Amino acid sequence: MMRNGVDMGAVSARVSAMRADPAEGRETLSAVTSWNGGAHSTTIVRNFAIPADEPAAIGGTDRGASPMELLLTALAACITISIAYSAAEDEVEVYSIDIEIEGDLDIGGFFGIARDLRPGFEEVRVSVWIDADASRENLENLVNRGYRRSSVVDSLEGRVPVRVSLAGEDRESP
């Protein structure tokens, strides 16, 4: 059954499979990024090519969103999806979800201007607008659930370990 564009049959089947065998919920996501020169790169995720670049003002060629803009995009998209799924589970009819997101950073941290400047976001603010058949209290609950169940939020706030290593020379280039 489709609800708010979510295939609840597929969701229910996957949830049931995970309850029967928790290993059914484990996945390893992957991507391959290739440098195109300067600040421009292209990442392949499944069948999608995602360009990234920096604005010309800091040496890029502006042929894609910056990595930090892509991070904001991932965060907003994940919260939106989480809200839509929560609403579908609650049988709330949703007509639109719009998110405005902004993050503050000092790019001096990226360029090593001062030791105490972090290269990442100092704060991210998310504003959500929902048009749905629900009370304000129910909409606030959906937003809070969407935030809490977002895997991107969890990854950002949970300080996920990132291990970087130089790969061996025996691999062929993609």
Protein backbone atom coordinates (compact mmCIF):
# COMPACT_ATOMS: atom_id res chain seq x y z
CA MET A 1 0.00 0.00 0.00
CA MET A 2 1.34 3.45 -0.95
CA ARG A 3 1.02 6.24 1.62
CA ASN A 4 2.55 9.67 0.96
CA GLY A 5 4.50 8.03 -1.86
CA VAL A 6 6.04 5.49 0.52
CA ASP A 7 5.60 1.81 -0.35
CA MET A 8 4.44 0.69 3.08
CA GLY A 9 4.27 -2.95 1.92
CA ALA A 10 7.99 -2.93 1.13
CA VAL A 11 8.75 -1.10 4.40
CA SER A 12 6.66 -3.56 6.45
CA ALA A 13 8.30 -6.56 4.78
CA ARG A 14 11.80 -5.22 5.48
CA VAL A 15 10.96 -4.34 9.09
CA SER A 16 9.52 -7.83 9.64
CA ALA A 17 12.66 -9.41 8.13
CA MET A 18 14.87 -7.30 10.43
CA ARG A 19 12.83 -8.26 13.49
CA ALA A 20 13.24 -11.93 12.59
CA ASP A 21 16.94 -11.54 11.80
CA PRO A 22 18.70 -8.30 12.84
CA ALA A 23 21.44 -9.00 10.27
CA GLU A 24 18.85 -8.12 7.59
CA GLY A 25 19.22 -4.47 8.63
CA ARG A 26 22.99 -4.29 8.17
CA GLU A 27 24.29 -2.68 5.01
CA THR A 28 27.55 -1.25 3.77
CA LEU A 29 27.03 1.77 1.56
CA SER A 30 29.78 2.73 -0.83
CA ALA A 31 30.79 5.36 -3.34
CA VAL A 32 33.74 6.10 -5.62
CA THR A 33 35.01 9.66 -6.05
CA SER A 34 37.32 10.75 -8.86
CA TRP A 35 39.19 14.03 -8.91
CA ASN A 36 38.61 16.09 -12.05
CA GLY A 37 41.28 18.73 -11.33
CA GLY A 38 41.26 21.74 -9.05
CA ALA A 39 38.44 21.47 -6.53
CA HIS A 40 36.13 19.57 -8.90
CA SER A 41 35.32 15.89 -8.35
CA THR A 42 32.59 13.44 -9.30
CA THR A 43 31.23 10.77 -6.98
CA ILE A 44 29.41 7.71 -8.26
CA VAL A 45 26.82 6.31 -5.85
CA ARG A 46 24.82 3.38 -7.25
CA ASN A 47 23.85 4.79 -10.68
CA PHE A 48 24.12 8.47 -9.76
CA ALA A 49 26.92 10.88 -10.65
CA ILE A 50 27.22 13.71 -8.12
CA PRO A 51 29.53 16.61 -8.93
CA ALA A 52 31.26 18.61 -6.22
CA ASP A 53 33.33 21.77 -6.51
CA GLU A 54 34.08 24.95 -4.63
CA PRO A 55 32.93 28.46 -5.52
CA ALA A 56 35.26 30.49 -7.74
CA ALA A 57 35.85 32.91 -4.82
CA ILE A 58 37.96 30.26 -3.09
CA GLY A 59 39.66 28.76 -6.14
CA GLY A 60 37.04 26.37 -7.48
CA THR A 61 35.23 26.40 -10.80
CA ASP A 62 31.68 26.26 -9.38
CA ARG A 63 30.74 23.12 -11.34
CA GLY A 64 28.91 21.58 -8.41
CA ALA A 65 27.80 22.15 -4.86
CA SER A 66 30.59 22.32 -2.30
CA PRO A 67 31.11 19.30 -0.04
CA MET A 68 29.67 21.27 2.89
CA GLU A 69 26.60 22.19 0.80
CA LEU A 70 26.24 18.51 -0.07
CA LEU A 71 26.40 17.69 3.65
CA LEU A 72 23.54 20.14 4.29
CA THR A 73 21.68 18.57 1.36
CA ALA A 74 22.14 15.08 2.82
CA LEU A 75 20.98 16.25 6.24
CA ALA A 76 17.86 18.02 4.94
CA ALA A 77 16.97 15.13 2.63
CA CYS A 78 17.33 12.56 5.40
CA ILE A 79 15.17 14.55 7.83
CA THR A 80 12.56 15.03 5.08
CA ILE A 81 12.49 11.29 4.34
CA SER A 82 12.30 10.45 8.05
CA ILE A 83 9.33 12.80 8.51
CA ALA A 84 7.57 11.36 5.44
CA TYR A 85 8.05 7.79 6.70
CA SER A 86 6.90 8.72 10.21
CA ALA A 87 3.78 10.37 8.77
CA ALA A 88 3.06 7.34 6.56
CA GLU A 89 3.36 5.04 9.58
CA ASP A 90 0.92 7.26 11.49
CA GLU A 91 -1.44 7.39 8.48
CA VAL A 92 -1.07 11.17 8.28
CA GLU A 93 -1.72 12.55 4.79
CA VAL A 94 1.13 14.91 3.85
CA TYR A 95 0.85 17.39 0.99
CA SER A 96 4.27 19.00 1.25
CA ILE A 97 7.41 19.10 3.36
CA ASP A 98 9.88 21.93 2.85
CA ILE A 99 13.12 22.34 4.73
CA GLU A 100 15.32 25.39 4.90
CA ILE A 101 18.77 24.58 6.22
CA GLU A 102 21.80 26.70 6.90
CA GLY A 103 25.10 26.11 8.58
CA ASP A 104 27.75 28.45 9.88
CA LEU A 105 31.41 27.76 9.24
CA ASP A 106 34.62 29.70 9.08
CA ILE A 107 36.49 28.62 5.93
CA GLY A 108 39.65 29.90 7.56
CA GLY A 109 39.66 26.55 9.36
CA PHE A 110 39.95 24.74 6.01
CA PHE A 111 42.84 26.99 4.99
CA GLY A 112 44.60 26.64 8.37
CA ILE A 113 44.44 30.38 9.13
CA ALA A 114 44.41 29.83 12.90
CA ARG A 115 44.94 26.75 15.03
CA ASP A 116 41.69 27.21 16.95
CA LEU A 117 39.46 27.38 13.84
CA ARG A 118 37.60 24.18 13.06
CA PRO A 119 37.10 23.39 9.37
CA GLY A 120 33.55 22.11 9.99
CA PHE A 121 30.20 23.62 10.83
CA GLU A 122 29.87 25.53 14.08
CA GLU A 123 26.08 25.23 14.03
CA VAL A 124 23.38 24.00 11.67
CA ARG A 125 19.81 25.32 11.76
CA VAL A 126 16.89 23.45 10.22
CA SER A 127 13.42 24.94 9.70
CA VAL A 128 10.64 22.59 8.62
CA TRP A 129 7.34 23.48 6.98
CA ILE A 130 4.71 20.74 6.66
CA ASP A 131 1.31 20.90 5.01
CA ALA A 132 -0.59 17.88 6.32
CA ASP A 133 -3.87 16.72 7.80
CA ALA A 134 -2.61 16.92 11.37
CA SER A 135 -2.64 19.23 14.37
CA ARG A 136 0.36 21.42 15.20
CA GLU A 137 1.16 19.07 18.10
CA ASN A 138 1.17 16.05 15.75
CA LEU A 139 3.33 17.94 13.24
CA GLU A 140 5.83 18.82 15.98
CA ASN A 141 5.90 15.13 16.95
CA LEU A 142 6.56 14.16 13.31
CA VAL A 143 9.41 16.68 13.05
CA ASN A 144 10.95 15.43 16.32
CA ARG A 145 10.65 11.78 15.24
CA GLY A 146 12.08 12.62 11.83
CA TYR A 147 15.04 14.31 13.52
CA ARG A 148 15.60 11.45 15.99
CA ARG A 149 15.45 8.69 13.38
CA SER A 150 17.62 10.46 10.79
CA SER A 151 20.77 8.45 10.13
CA VAL A 152 22.55 11.60 8.93
CA VAL A 153 21.73 13.45 12.17
CA ASP A 154 22.97 10.45 14.14
CA SER A 155 26.17 10.27 12.10
CA LEU A 156 26.88 13.98 12.58
CA GLU A 157 26.04 14.15 16.26
CA GLY A 158 27.44 10.73 17.13
CA ARG A 159 30.98 11.54 16.00
CA VAL A 160 31.31 8.47 13.78
CA PRO A 161 34.91 7.30 13.53
CA VAL A 162 36.40 7.96 10.08
CA ARG A 163 39.46 5.95 9.13
CA VAL A 164 41.49 7.15 6.16
CA SER A 165 44.36 5.20 4.66
CA LEU A 166 46.45 5.21 1.52
CA ALA A 167 45.33 2.26 -0.59
CA GLY A 168 47.77 -0.19 -2.13
CA GLU A 169 49.13 0.25 -5.63
CA ASP A 170 47.66 -3.04 -6.90
CA ARG A 171 44.21 -1.52 -7.52
CA GLU A 172 43.18 -0.37 -10.97
CA SER A 173 41.77 3.14 -11.33
CA PRO A 174 37.98 3.31 -11.73
